């Protein structure tokens, strides 16, 4: 009789492998493993760095070019969302495109309805709301997925009232406001460098240099104008052309 009760009790607790498969089920320790694995997937992605200053926000991202036959400009790691807003991505690019497309639609709807730019935090929250819709049944047009999105974003934007803003989002649907942030494969090393060298009163030029310098430090390959993307929001979004990226890299080496 006691053995039967023990077996019944054991059946109540699934093994870790079974909890691994479910996105809507907490483990007995209070964890959702699929979300944790999605966060781990970001650590396999390329390194991205964002730094906020009083003049604007700078984004710098490593691009992994797996072949010399690849056209570097076709590898998108920094994407424009609206005139005043852009993001750097690390993780699954296809997932990033889904979130960015959603953000673009939200921005245009807001502009059409209220005749003003969508606040950066509201746009970030909208992306995180979509990130939480994994595993939901019912409305297929809602844009949710059967698994968490395996991508982290650095949202850089300019608010008409609050000025430059930098936010970090992750697959759990959490977002935080940052002064400087690194994501991707070398995030820990890059973040500790930013902690040491970031100053609240630094100029935009200094932030630009720090972002590329930090990226150079953590990249496995030699930094060039083809394997790095740089963008700024001050107050409009702008992706730097190859010539400008070259100049910034030359300044570092000189």
Protein backbone atom coordinates (compact mmCIF):
# COMPACT_ATOMS: atom_id res chain seq x y z
CA UNK A 1 0.00 0.00 0.00
CA UNK A 2 2.81 2.40 0.95
CA UNK A 3 4.68 1.57 -2.27
CA UNK A 4 1.57 2.39 -4.32
CA UNK A 5 1.28 5.78 -2.60
CA UNK A 6 4.97 6.45 -3.27
CA UNK A 7 4.50 5.67 -6.97
CA UNK A 8 1.44 7.92 -7.12
CA UNK A 9 3.41 10.73 -5.45
CA UNK A 10 6.31 10.24 -7.87
CA UNK A 11 3.97 10.53 -10.87
CA UNK A 12 2.89 13.98 -9.67
CA UNK A 13 6.39 15.38 -10.27
CA UNK A 14 7.55 15.23 -13.86
CA UNK A 15 11.23 14.87 -14.69
CA UNK A 16 13.23 17.93 -15.75
CA UNK A 17 13.13 16.74 -19.38
CA UNK A 18 9.34 16.89 -19.39
CA UNK A 19 9.37 20.41 -17.93
CA UNK A 20 11.86 21.34 -20.67
CA UNK A 21 9.21 20.76 -23.32
CA UNK A 22 6.43 22.86 -21.82
CA UNK A 23 6.36 26.64 -22.23
CA UNK A 24 3.23 27.10 -20.09
CA UNK A 25 4.31 25.03 -17.11
CA UNK A 26 6.42 25.98 -14.11
CA UNK A 27 8.85 23.41 -12.70
CA UNK A 28 8.59 22.58 -8.95
CA UNK A 29 11.49 25.07 -8.41
CA UNK A 30 9.40 27.81 -10.03
CA UNK A 31 11.26 28.01 -13.36
CA UNK A 32 10.21 27.99 -17.00
CA UNK A 33 13.09 26.21 -18.69
CA UNK A 34 12.20 27.18 -22.27
CA UNK A 35 12.57 30.88 -21.39
CA UNK A 36 15.92 30.19 -19.72
CA UNK A 37 17.10 28.28 -22.81
CA UNK A 38 16.01 31.19 -25.05
CA UNK A 39 18.15 33.52 -22.92
CA UNK A 40 21.05 31.06 -23.35
CA UNK A 41 20.52 31.15 -27.15
CA UNK A 42 21.29 34.88 -27.09
CA UNK A 43 24.73 34.09 -25.68
CA UNK A 44 25.48 32.35 -28.99
CA UNK A 45 24.62 35.51 -30.94
CA UNK A 46 26.95 38.31 -32.00
CA UNK A 47 27.92 41.02 -29.53
CA UNK A 48 25.96 44.29 -29.57
CA UNK A 49 26.68 47.42 -27.52
CA UNK A 50 24.53 50.47 -26.78
CA UNK A 51 25.62 53.65 -24.97
CA UNK A 52 23.40 56.61 -24.03
CA UNK A 53 24.69 60.18 -23.69
CA UNK A 54 22.96 63.54 -23.31
CA UNK A 55 23.55 64.16 -27.06
CA UNK A 56 22.12 60.83 -28.29
CA UNK A 57 22.47 57.05 -28.31
CA UNK A 58 25.09 55.02 -30.19
CA UNK A 59 24.74 51.34 -31.20
CA UNK A 60 27.64 49.14 -32.37
CA UNK A 61 27.22 45.51 -33.44
CA UNK A 62 29.51 42.74 -34.63
CA UNK A 63 28.51 40.99 -37.87
CA UNK A 64 29.65 37.38 -38.37
CA UNK A 65 30.43 36.85 -42.05
CA UNK A 66 30.62 33.10 -42.55
CA UNK A 67 31.85 33.35 -46.15
CA UNK A 68 33.87 35.77 -48.28
CA UNK A 69 31.10 35.45 -50.88
CA UNK A 70 28.56 37.05 -48.52
CA UNK A 71 27.56 40.65 -49.20
CA UNK A 72 28.13 42.34 -45.79
CA UNK A 73 25.27 44.86 -46.19
CA UNK A 74 22.77 41.98 -46.45
CA UNK A 75 23.53 40.92 -42.84
CA UNK A 76 21.21 43.16 -40.80
CA UNK A 77 22.04 43.50 -37.12
CA UNK A 78 20.82 47.08 -36.62
CA UNK A 79 17.30 47.89 -37.83
CA UNK A 80 15.35 51.12 -38.12
CA UNK A 81 11.90 51.09 -36.50
CA UNK A 82 10.90 54.74 -36.99
CA UNK A 83 12.62 58.10 -37.67
CA UNK A 84 13.43 58.47 -33.96
CA UNK A 85 13.93 54.82 -33.05
CA UNK A 86 16.18 51.87 -33.96
CA UNK A 87 17.42 48.65 -32.40
CA UNK A 88 20.44 46.36 -32.29
CA UNK A 89 19.77 42.61 -32.15
CA UNK A 90 21.51 39.52 -30.82
CA UNK A 91 20.19 35.98 -31.23
CA UNK A 92 17.91 34.60 -33.94
CA UNK A 93 17.62 37.23 -36.69
CA UNK A 94 14.32 35.78 -37.97
CA UNK A 95 12.77 36.28 -34.52
CA UNK A 96 14.18 39.82 -34.41
CA UNK A 97 12.51 40.61 -37.75
CA UNK A 98 9.12 39.52 -36.36
CA UNK A 99 9.48 41.79 -33.32
CA UNK A 100 10.79 44.73 -35.38
CA UNK A 101 7.94 44.40 -37.88
CA UNK A 102 5.46 44.48 -34.97
CA UNK A 103 7.18 47.58 -33.53
CA UNK A 104 7.07 49.35 -36.92
CA UNK A 105 3.33 48.76 -37.24
CA UNK A 106 2.73 50.02 -33.68
CA UNK A 107 4.79 53.17 -34.40
CA UNK A 108 2.88 53.93 -37.60
CA UNK A 109 -0.52 53.31 -35.94
CA UNK A 110 0.39 55.71 -33.13
CA UNK A 111 1.65 58.36 -35.56
CA UNK A 112 -1.48 58.03 -37.73
CA UNK A 113 -3.84 58.23 -34.72
CA UNK A 114 -2.13 60.91 -32.58
CA UNK A 115 0.11 62.71 -35.12
CA UNK A 116 3.18 62.29 -32.88
CA UNK A 117 6.15 59.93 -32.51
CA UNK A 118 5.55 56.76 -30.47
CA UNK A 119 7.31 57.06 -27.06
CA UNK A 120 10.37 54.78 -26.85
CA UNK A 121 9.23 53.05 -23.64
CA UNK A 122 5.73 52.39 -25.03
CA UNK A 123 7.25 50.79 -28.14
CA UNK A 124 9.58 48.66 -25.99
CA UNK A 125 6.64 47.57 -23.82
CA UNK A 126 4.67 46.65 -26.94
CA UNK A 127 7.54 44.37 -28.08
CA UNK A 128 7.74 42.75 -24.63
CA UNK A 129 3.96 42.16 -24.65
CA UNK A 130 4.39 40.21 -27.90
CA UNK A 131 7.38 38.33 -26.42
CA UNK A 132 5.07 37.01 -23.69
CA UNK A 133 2.51 35.58 -26.11
CA UNK A 134 4.36 32.29 -26.66
CA UNK A 135 2.31 29.14 -26.23
CA UNK A 136 -1.05 30.93 -26.49
CA UNK A 137 -3.90 29.20 -28.29
CA UNK A 138 -6.56 30.93 -30.31
CA UNK A 139 -5.84 34.02 -32.38
CA UNK A 140 -3.14 33.17 -34.92
CA UNK A 141 -3.02 36.77 -36.19
CA UNK A 142 -1.85 38.02 -32.79
CA UNK A 143 1.74 37.24 -33.84
CA UNK A 144 2.58 34.93 -30.92
CA UNK A 145 4.69 31.79 -31.28
CA UNK A 146 4.69 28.28 -29.87
CA UNK A 147 8.06 29.01 -28.21
CA UNK A 148 9.78 32.07 -26.68
CA UNK A 149 11.53 34.47 -29.08
CA UNK A 150 15.27 33.69 -29.04
CA UNK A 151 16.43 37.28 -29.39
CA UNK A 152 17.45 40.24 -27.22
CA UNK A 153 17.12 43.84 -28.40
CA UNK A 154 18.83 47.10 -27.52
CA UNK A 155 16.22 49.78 -28.24
CA UNK A 156 17.73 53.21 -28.91
CA UNK A 157 15.42 56.17 -29.35
CA UNK A 158 14.71 59.84 -28.77
CA UNK A 159 11.70 61.02 -26.77
CA UNK A 160 10.41 64.54 -27.39
CA UNK A 161 10.10 65.12 -23.61
CA UNK A 162 12.77 62.89 -22.03
CA UNK A 163 15.45 62.99 -24.76
CA UNK A 164 17.73 60.01 -25.60
CA UNK A 165 16.65 56.61 -24.26
CA UNK A 166 18.22 53.11 -24.24
CA UNK A 167 16.28 49.96 -23.27
CA UNK A 168 17.21 46.28 -23.16
CA UNK A 169 14.62 43.53 -23.78
CA UNK A 170 14.97 39.76 -23.33
CA UNK A 171 12.86 36.62 -24.11
CA UNK A 172 11.15 36.70 -20.70
CA UNK A 173 9.35 39.91 -21.73
CA UNK A 174 11.37 41.99 -19.26
CA UNK A 175 12.74 45.38 -20.26
CA UNK A 176 15.12 47.70 -18.41
CA UNK A 177 16.34 51.25 -19.00
CA UNK A 178 20.15 51.46 -19.32
CA UNK A 179 22.95 54.00 -19.60
CA UNK A 180 25.18 51.43 -21.34
CA UNK A 181 24.51 47.78 -22.15
CA UNK A 182 26.17 44.84 -23.93
CA UNK A 183 24.36 41.71 -25.18
CA UNK A 184 25.45 38.59 -27.06
CA UNK A 185 28.31 36.09 -26.88
CA UNK A 186 30.86 38.36 -25.14
CA UNK A 187 28.35 40.36 -23.08
CA UNK A 188 29.98 39.74 -19.68
CA UNK A 189 33.45 40.95 -20.70
CA UNK A 190 32.03 43.90 -22.67
CA UNK A 191 29.72 44.88 -19.78
CA UNK A 192 32.60 44.97 -17.29
CA UNK A 193 34.58 47.21 -19.70
CA UNK A 194 31.59 49.54 -19.99
CA UNK A 195 31.26 49.66 -16.19
CA UNK A 196 34.90 50.76 -15.89
CA UNK A 197 34.99 53.30 -18.71
CA UNK A 198 31.45 54.75 -18.96
CA UNK A 199 30.98 58.27 -17.57
CA UNK A 200 27.55 59.94 -17.31
CA UNK A 201 28.93 63.23 -18.69
CA UNK A 202 30.80 61.72 -21.68
CA UNK A 203 30.34 63.31 -25.11
CA UNK A 204 28.76 61.48 -28.03
CA UNK A 205 32.16 61.16 -29.77
CA UNK A 206 33.63 59.53 -26.65
CA UNK A 207 30.68 57.12 -26.44
CA UNK A 208 31.12 56.23 -30.13
CA UNK A 209 34.81 55.50 -29.53
CA UNK A 210 34.10 53.47 -26.36
CA UNK A 211 31.46 51.32 -28.13
CA UNK A 212 33.79 50.41 -31.02
CA UNK A 213 36.80 49.99 -28.70
CA UNK A 214 34.83 47.56 -26.48
CA UNK A 215 33.64 45.66 -29.55
CA UNK A 216 37.21 45.43 -30.87
CA UNK A 217 38.36 44.03 -27.51
CA UNK A 218 35.84 41.15 -27.48
CA UNK A 219 35.70 40.23 -31.19
CA UNK A 220 37.48 37.05 -32.29
CA UNK A 221 38.19 38.38 -35.78
CA UNK A 222 40.04 41.59 -36.68
CA UNK A 223 37.65 44.54 -36.65
CA UNK A 224 36.93 46.00 -40.09
CA UNK A 225 34.31 48.27 -41.66
CA UNK A 226 32.57 45.20 -43.15
CA UNK A 227 32.12 43.13 -39.96
CA UNK A 228 30.81 45.97 -37.77
CA UNK A 229 27.64 48.08 -37.97
CA UNK A 230 27.31 51.43 -36.17
CA UNK A 231 24.18 53.57 -35.84
CA UNK A 232 23.14 56.64 -33.88
CA UNK A 233 19.92 58.30 -32.73
CA UNK A 234 20.42 62.04 -32.21
CA UNK A 235 17.50 62.80 -32.54
CA UNK A 236 16.89 60.90 -35.82
CA UNK A 237 18.06 57.35 -36.55
CA UNK A 238 21.07 57.00 -38.86
CA UNK A 239 23.05 53.91 -39.91
CA UNK A 240 26.66 54.84 -40.63
CA UNK A 241 28.01 54.23 -44.16
CA UNK A 242 31.11 52.01 -44.57
CA UNK A 243 33.42 55.02 -45.07
CA UNK A 244 32.40 56.55 -41.75
CA UNK A 245 32.87 53.23 -39.91
CA UNK A 246 36.36 52.99 -41.48
CA UNK A 247 37.27 56.44 -40.16
CA UNK A 248 36.21 55.53 -36.59
CA UNK A 249 38.27 52.29 -36.71
CA UNK A 250 41.32 54.21 -38.06
CA UNK A 251 41.06 56.67 -35.14
CA UNK A 252 41.25 53.71 -32.71
CA UNK A 253 44.37 52.23 -34.29
CA UNK A 254 46.18 55.55 -34.73
